[in-house]
Amino acid sequence: MSEGSVPPVSGVGDRKSRKIVALGGGHGLYATLSAARRLASDVTAVVTVADDGGSSGRLRAELGMLPPGDLRMALAALASEQPRTQMWTDVLQHRFGGSGALAGHSVGNLILAGLTEVLGDTVLALEESARLLGIEGRVLPMAPIPLDIEADVSGLEDDPRVSRVIRGQVAVATTPGKVRRVRLIPQDPPATPQAVNAIAAADLVILGPGSWFSSVIPHVLVPELLRAMAESSAPKVLVLNLAPEPGETTGFSAERHLHVLSQHAPDFGVDYIVVDSAFVPPGAEREHVARAATRLEAEVVYVDVAEAGTHAHHFGKLAAALGSIVSPQGDAASSPQLREGITSWP
């Protein structure tokens, strides 16, 4: 079945009436949104705003705006599949080459920058972009102000016990050291009100996958987002990465991913953790993951969600896994698809 189509997933109820909120950033959020749109027409993306590299970093520094790159990618993931709309999606994703002033900029980043200046508000700019792309849901920044990530990193000094503070998403993502802890600057930033409202109204809330320290954990460091997720009665799902990420999480096991999330937000909990069955094969490691999951009060679901031969999520397989969780016919624990670690997707 083509990855470009958006067929319904069997046994998941009414796609038109369901509301899903997905939190994250970058390619991880793109995967989640591409899966979520198969389950609901009303999908809201809540996107990190700490990027300080590339085109986004340049526009942020020059214009003082929210970094647009991850916001643009979320728009592309939710865009209508009508041929004319897809042409606009391709234009938004197009990146200029050459060596001049425009080199490296994405067209969509520049459009968002222009709309933000004309309309005076990033959320309004995103809503106008969503209309252009035929999006039924919404794309929202996690905070109304640009944020910075600051990290304590060990392994950069001769004494491995000594930590150094580094600042900036790019620096954190590419550090050769071991990231121990991250903070947002400013600390305890405000959340975008529309994002908080979307979580309160959601039928399913999804966090991850993505760069663990720079795209996933930042969401639980925004007090209003953390509170909204805690107070939501919707099922909450954490989608684990398929492998450690060079730089940020080099050498991390699945268990370690869960531990560091709990360390940053000790009171944070989810209902289900979706783990690729190949990343954690049956054996002792699953016992370690189960113990780590108890800190999140979560049930671990092992299922094949990988694109064959890659460390990328297969949109259809992930949709089937999430669909079993929101199915009115039963929760994830009772789903034969998830219990047996298979999906209905090729």
Protein backbone atom coordinates (compact mmCIF):
# COMPACT_ATOMS: atom_id res chain seq x y z
CA MET A 1 0.00 0.00 0.00
CA SER A 2 1.34 3.43 -0.91
CA GLU A 3 2.76 5.63 1.85
CA GLY A 4 1.17 8.60 0.11
CA SER A 5 -2.42 7.45 0.66
CA VAL A 6 -4.44 8.02 3.81
CA PRO A 7 -6.72 4.98 4.18
CA PRO A 8 -8.70 4.34 7.35
CA VAL A 9 -7.26 1.89 9.86
CA SER A 10 -9.79 -0.84 10.59
CA GLY A 11 -11.51 -0.90 13.96
CA VAL A 12 -10.63 2.57 15.17
CA GLY A 13 -14.01 4.26 15.15
CA ASP A 14 -14.99 7.55 13.57
CA ARG A 15 -12.00 9.34 12.05
CA LYS A 16 -14.00 12.56 11.65
CA SER A 17 -14.90 12.91 15.32
CA ARG A 18 -11.53 12.02 16.86
CA LYS A 19 -9.04 14.63 18.07
CA ILE A 20 -5.35 13.79 18.37
CA VAL A 21 -2.54 15.96 19.73
CA ALA A 22 1.07 15.06 18.90
CA LEU A 23 3.99 16.77 20.65
CA GLY A 24 7.56 16.76 19.37
CA GLY A 25 9.73 18.23 16.67
CA GLY A 26 11.69 17.51 13.51
CA HIS A 27 11.54 14.20 11.68
CA GLY A 28 10.15 12.35 14.70
CA LEU A 29 7.08 14.57 14.84
CA TYR A 30 6.71 14.28 11.05
CA ALA A 31 6.41 10.50 11.46
CA THR A 32 3.87 10.78 14.27
CA LEU A 33 1.73 13.25 12.34
CA SER A 34 1.87 11.12 9.20
CA ALA A 35 0.54 8.22 11.27
CA ALA A 36 -1.99 10.23 13.29
CA ARG A 37 -3.69 11.70 10.23
CA ARG A 38 -4.70 8.16 9.26
CA LEU A 39 -6.70 7.96 12.48
CA ALA A 40 -8.21 11.44 12.75
CA SER A 41 -8.94 14.43 10.56
CA ASP A 42 -8.44 16.80 13.53
CA VAL A 43 -4.74 16.49 14.38
CA THR A 44 -2.91 19.20 16.30
CA ALA A 45 0.87 19.37 16.23
CA VAL A 46 2.58 21.01 19.22
CA VAL A 47 6.10 21.82 18.06
CA THR A 48 9.37 22.61 19.83
CA VAL A 49 10.76 26.12 19.30
CA ALA A 50 14.40 25.87 20.40
CA ASP A 51 16.10 25.29 17.04
CA ASP A 52 19.09 27.59 16.56
CA GLY A 53 20.75 26.07 13.48
CA GLY A 54 20.50 26.35 9.72
CA SER A 55 17.78 28.42 8.07
CA SER A 56 15.69 28.47 11.26
CA GLY A 57 18.57 29.74 13.34
CA ARG A 58 19.38 32.48 10.86
CA LEU A 59 15.78 33.74 10.71
CA ARG A 60 15.47 33.53 14.47
CA ALA A 61 18.64 35.57 14.97
CA GLU A 62 17.89 38.14 12.26
CA LEU A 63 14.16 38.64 12.88
CA GLY A 64 13.66 37.60 16.49
CA MET A 65 10.96 35.16 15.41
CA LEU A 66 10.18 31.61 16.47
CA PRO A 67 12.39 29.18 14.52
CA PRO A 68 10.14 28.07 11.64
CA GLY A 69 11.77 24.85 10.42
CA ASP A 70 10.02 22.28 12.64
CA LEU A 71 6.74 24.18 12.26
CA ARG A 72 7.11 23.98 8.47
CA MET A 73 7.77 20.24 8.60
CA ALA A 74 4.63 19.71 10.68
CA LEU A 75 2.59 21.66 8.13
CA ALA A 76 3.99 19.46 5.36
CA ALA A 77 3.11 16.29 7.27
CA LEU A 78 -0.54 17.33 7.62
CA ALA A 79 -1.02 18.91 4.17
CA SER A 80 -3.87 17.77 1.97
CA GLU A 81 -2.98 15.20 -0.69
CA GLN A 82 -4.80 17.01 -3.48
CA PRO A 83 -2.40 17.42 -6.43
CA ARG A 84 -2.40 21.22 -6.36
CA THR A 85 -1.87 21.28 -2.61
CA GLN A 86 0.97 18.79 -2.92
CA MET A 87 2.64 21.17 -5.36
CA TRP A 88 2.52 23.88 -2.67
CA THR A 89 3.84 21.42 -0.10
CA ASP A 90 6.79 20.66 -2.37
CA VAL A 91 7.43 24.40 -2.75
CA LEU A 92 7.36 24.95 1.02
CA GLN A 93 9.86 22.14 1.51
CA HIS A 94 12.15 23.34 -1.29
CA ARG A 95 15.55 24.54 -0.09
CA PHE A 96 17.58 27.07 -2.08
CA GLY A 97 21.02 26.03 -3.23
CA GLY A 98 23.92 28.18 -4.33
CA SER A 99 26.09 30.36 -2.16
CA GLY A 100 24.16 33.63 -1.94
CA ALA A 101 21.99 35.14 0.77
CA LEU A 102 19.18 32.65 0.17
CA ALA A 103 21.41 29.56 0.17
CA GLY A 104 20.15 27.00 2.66
CA HIS A 105 16.82 28.70 3.31
CA SER A 106 13.61 26.72 2.87
CA VAL A 107 10.88 28.52 0.96
CA GLY A 108 8.41 27.60 3.69
CA ASN A 109 10.60 29.17 6.36
CA LEU A 110 10.64 32.43 4.43
CA ILE A 111 6.87 32.32 3.88
CA LEU A 112 6.25 31.77 7.58
CA ALA A 113 8.63 34.64 8.38
CA GLY A 114 6.79 36.95 6.00
CA LEU A 115 3.33 35.93 7.23
CA THR A 116 4.41 36.40 10.83
CA GLU A 117 5.61 39.94 10.12
CA VAL A 118 2.49 40.85 8.11
CA LEU A 119 -0.02 39.31 10.54
CA GLY A 120 1.96 40.10 13.69
CA ASP A 121 1.46 36.66 15.23
CA THR A 122 3.01 33.23 14.61
CA VAL A 123 -0.19 31.32 15.37
CA LEU A 124 -2.10 33.42 12.82
CA ALA A 125 0.68 32.81 10.29
CA LEU A 126 0.43 29.06 10.88
CA GLU A 127 -3.36 29.14 10.53
CA GLU A 128 -3.09 30.95 7.20
CA SER A 129 -0.49 28.43 6.03
CA ALA A 130 -2.77 25.59 7.13
CA ARG A 131 -5.60 26.99 5.02
CA LEU A 132 -3.29 27.20 2.00
CA LEU A 133 -2.35 23.53 2.49
CA GLY A 134 -5.89 22.28 3.14
CA ILE A 135 -5.07 21.14 6.68
CA GLU A 136 -8.04 20.18 8.84
CA GLY A 137 -6.07 20.25 12.10
CA ARG A 138 -3.58 22.78 13.44
CA VAL A 139 0.14 23.38 13.88
CA LEU A 140 1.09 25.27 17.04
CA PRO A 141 4.36 26.27 18.71
CA MET A 142 4.85 24.81 22.19
CA ALA A 143 5.64 28.29 23.52
CA PRO A 144 4.94 31.80 22.17
CA ILE A 145 8.60 32.81 22.59
CA PRO A 146 11.84 31.31 21.22
CA LEU A 147 13.53 29.00 23.71
CA ASP A 148 17.11 27.87 24.23
CA ILE A 149 18.31 24.49 25.46
CA GLU A 150 21.10 24.33 28.02
CA ALA A 151 22.72 21.02 28.94
CA ASP A 152 25.09 19.56 31.50
CA VAL A 153 27.53 17.40 29.51
CA SER A 154 30.26 15.12 30.82
CA GLY A 155 33.16 13.62 28.91
CA LEU A 156 34.38 16.92 27.49
CA GLU A 157 37.13 17.37 30.11
CA ASP A 158 40.08 15.16 31.05
CA ASP A 159 38.21 14.18 34.21
CA PRO A 160 35.09 12.28 33.09
CA ARG A 161 33.36 13.23 36.35
CA VAL A 162 33.43 16.92 35.44
CA SER A 163 30.46 18.36 33.56
CA ARG A 164 30.47 21.35 31.27
CA VAL A 165 27.42 23.51 30.49
CA ILE A 166 26.71 23.91 26.78
CA ARG A 167 23.94 25.94 25.23
CA GLY A 168 21.96 25.68 22.01
CA GLN A 169 20.03 22.89 20.33
CA VAL A 170 22.69 22.28 17.68
CA ALA A 171 25.46 22.14 20.29
CA VAL A 172 23.47 19.68 22.41
CA ALA A 173 22.52 17.50 19.45
CA THR A 174 26.08 17.21 18.17
CA THR A 175 28.09 17.08 21.37
CA PRO A 176 30.71 14.30 21.58
CA GLY A 177 30.12 14.18 25.33
CA LYS A 178 27.33 12.56 27.35
CA VAL A 179 24.28 14.71 27.98
CA ARG A 180 23.25 14.37 31.62
CA ARG A 181 20.48 16.93 31.94
CA VAL A 182 18.85 19.69 29.93
CA ARG A 183 17.05 22.90 30.87
CA LEU A 184 15.02 25.45 28.96
CA ILE A 185 16.05 29.10 28.88
CA PRO A 186 14.07 30.92 30.12
CA GLN A 187 13.12 28.39 32.75
CA ASP A 188 9.42 27.58 33.20
CA PRO A 189 8.42 29.28 29.94
CA PRO A 190 4.78 29.97 29.08
CA ALA A 191 2.90 27.55 26.85
CA THR A 192 0.95 28.60 23.80
CA PRO A 193 -2.64 28.81 25.14
CA GLN A 194 -4.11 27.10 22.07
CA ALA A 195 -1.78 24.14 22.65
CA VAL A 196 -2.98 23.76 26.23
CA ASN A 197 -6.60 23.90 25.06
CA ALA A 198 -5.95 21.30 22.35
CA ILE A 199 -4.52 18.84 24.89
CA ALA A 200 -7.55 19.35 27.15
CA ALA A 201 -9.91 18.49 24.26
CA ALA A 202 -7.88 15.58 22.84
CA ASP A 203 -8.98 11.95 22.53
CA LEU A 204 -5.36 10.82 22.26
CA VAL A 205 -2.09 12.56 23.23
CA ILE A 206 1.19 11.36 21.71
CA LEU A 207 4.73 12.34 22.76
CA GLY A 208 7.74 11.33 20.67
CA PRO A 209 9.61 9.94 18.88
CA GLY A 210 12.41 12.39 18.15
CA SER A 211 15.67 13.81 19.43
CA TRP A 212 15.23 12.90 23.08
CA PHE A 213 16.89 15.86 24.77
CA SER A 214 15.98 18.56 22.24
CA SER A 215 12.57 17.54 20.82
CA VAL A 216 10.88 15.26 23.36
CA ILE A 217 11.96 16.20 26.89
CA PRO A 218 11.46 19.99 26.35
CA HIS A 219 7.69 19.46 26.29
CA VAL A 220 7.65 18.19 29.88
CA LEU A 221 9.77 21.19 30.95
CA VAL A 222 6.97 23.64 30.07
CA PRO A 223 4.82 23.66 33.24
CA GLU A 224 1.49 24.37 31.53
CA LEU A 225 2.01 21.61 28.95
CA LEU A 226 3.03 19.15 31.66
CA ARG A 227 -0.03 20.07 33.71
CA ALA A 228 -2.34 19.81 30.71
CA MET A 229 -1.06 16.32 29.90
CA ALA A 230 -1.42 15.25 33.54
CA GLU A 231 -5.00 16.52 33.72
CA SER A 232 -6.07 15.09 30.36
CA SER A 233 -8.38 12.08 30.53
CA ALA A 234 -7.27 10.94 27.06
CA PRO A 235 -4.93 7.98 26.61
CA LYS A 236 -1.34 9.23 26.59
CA VAL A 237 1.21 7.40 24.47
CA LEU A 238 5.00 7.74 24.47
CA VAL A 239 6.55 6.54 21.20
CA LEU A 240 10.12 5.46 21.78
CA ASN A 241 12.90 6.00 19.26
CA LEU A 242 14.00 3.04 17.15
CA ALA A 243 17.68 3.39 18.06
CA PRO A 244 20.08 5.67 19.95
CA GLU A 245 20.76 8.93 18.16
CA PRO A 246 24.40 9.82 17.44
CA GLY A 247 25.39 12.70 19.70
CA GLU A 248 22.48 13.19 22.08
CA THR A 249 21.81 9.59 23.06
CA THR A 250 24.79 7.58 21.83
CA GLY A 251 24.77 4.21 23.57
CA PHE A 252 21.34 4.71 25.15
CA SER A 253 19.20 1.64 25.74
CA ALA A 254 15.41 1.82 25.69
CA GLU A 255 15.52 1.71 29.48
CA ARG A 256 17.89 4.69 29.60
CA HIS A 257 15.54 6.75 27.39
CA LEU A 258 12.76 6.21 29.93
CA HIS A 259 14.97 6.92 32.95
CA VAL A 260 16.16 10.30 31.70
CA LEU A 261 12.59 11.34 30.84
CA SER A 262 11.49 10.45 34.38
CA GLN A 263 14.47 12.29 35.85
CA HIS A 264 13.44 15.49 34.07
CA ALA A 265 9.76 15.19 35.05
CA PRO A 266 9.39 12.86 38.05
CA ASP A 267 5.60 13.25 38.15
CA PHE A 268 5.05 12.72 34.43
CA GLY A 269 3.08 9.64 33.45
CA VAL A 270 1.69 8.02 30.33
CA ASP A 271 -0.63 5.09 29.69
CA TYR A 272 1.34 3.26 27.01
CA ILE A 273 4.89 3.18 25.70
CA VAL A 274 5.21 1.96 22.11
CA VAL A 275 8.56 0.19 21.59
CA ASP A 276 9.72 -1.38 18.36
CA SER A 277 10.00 -5.12 18.93
CA ALA A 278 13.34 -5.32 17.10
CA PHE A 279 14.92 -2.54 19.19
CA VAL A 280 14.24 -4.51 22.38
CA PRO A 281 14.03 -8.22 21.50
CA PRO A 282 12.55 -10.69 24.02
CA GLY A 283 14.83 -11.30 26.97
CA ALA A 284 16.27 -9.67 30.05
CA GLU A 285 16.29 -6.17 28.58
CA ARG A 286 12.50 -6.17 28.45
CA GLU A 287 12.46 -6.73 32.19
CA HIS A 288 14.62 -3.62 32.63
CA VAL A 289 12.30 -1.61 30.37
CA ALA A 290 9.27 -2.79 32.35
CA ARG A 291 10.83 -1.57 35.60
CA ALA A 292 11.66 1.80 34.05
CA ALA A 293 8.10 2.05 32.72
CA THR A 294 6.66 1.73 36.23
CA ARG A 295 8.04 5.19 37.02
CA LEU A 296 5.81 6.49 34.21
CA GLU A 297 2.91 4.27 35.34
CA ALA A 298 2.87 2.91 31.80
CA GLU A 299 2.26 -0.37 30.04
CA VAL A 300 4.90 -1.25 27.45
CA VAL A 301 3.64 -2.35 24.04
CA TYR A 302 6.10 -4.13 21.75
CA VAL A 303 5.22 -4.00 18.07
CA ASP A 304 6.96 -3.77 14.69
CA VAL A 305 6.78 -0.09 13.76
CA ALA A 306 10.00 0.26 11.74
CA GLU A 307 10.53 0.87 8.06
CA ALA A 308 12.39 -2.24 6.97
CA GLY A 309 16.16 -1.81 7.06
CA THR A 310 16.04 1.67 8.61
CA HIS A 311 15.79 3.46 11.95
CA ALA A 312 12.72 5.38 10.71
CA HIS A 313 9.14 4.71 11.73
CA HIS A 314 6.82 3.21 9.12
CA PHE A 315 3.82 5.56 9.03
CA GLY A 316 1.30 2.80 8.39
CA LYS A 317 2.62 0.44 11.05
CA LEU A 318 2.71 3.24 13.62
CA ALA A 319 -0.85 4.21 12.66
CA ALA A 320 -2.02 0.65 13.21
CA ALA A 321 -0.35 0.54 16.63
CA LEU A 322 -1.86 3.85 17.71
CA GLY A 323 -5.19 2.87 16.18
CA SER A 324 -5.38 -0.17 18.42
CA ILE A 325 -4.97 2.11 21.41
CA VAL A 326 -7.80 4.47 20.46
CA SER A 327 -10.08 1.72 19.19
CA PRO A 328 -13.49 1.73 20.87
CA GLN A 329 -13.34 -2.08 20.72
CA GLY A 330 -10.61 -2.27 23.35
CA ASP A 331 -7.40 -0.79 24.61
CA ALA A 332 -3.88 -1.62 23.55
CA ALA A 333 -3.51 -4.44 26.01
CA SER A 334 -6.46 -6.34 24.53
CA SER A 335 -5.57 -5.73 20.90
CA PRO A 336 -4.48 -8.88 19.06
CA GLN A 337 -2.40 -6.69 16.73
CA LEU A 338 -0.27 -5.33 19.55
CA ARG A 339 -0.33 -8.37 21.80
CA GLU A 340 1.13 -10.48 19.01
CA GLY A 341 3.48 -7.74 17.80
CA ILE A 342 2.05 -7.53 14.27
CA THR A 343 0.13 -4.99 12.24
CA SER A 344 -2.22 -5.11 9.28
CA TRP A 345 0.18 -3.04 7.21
CA PRO A 346 2.85 -4.36 4.83
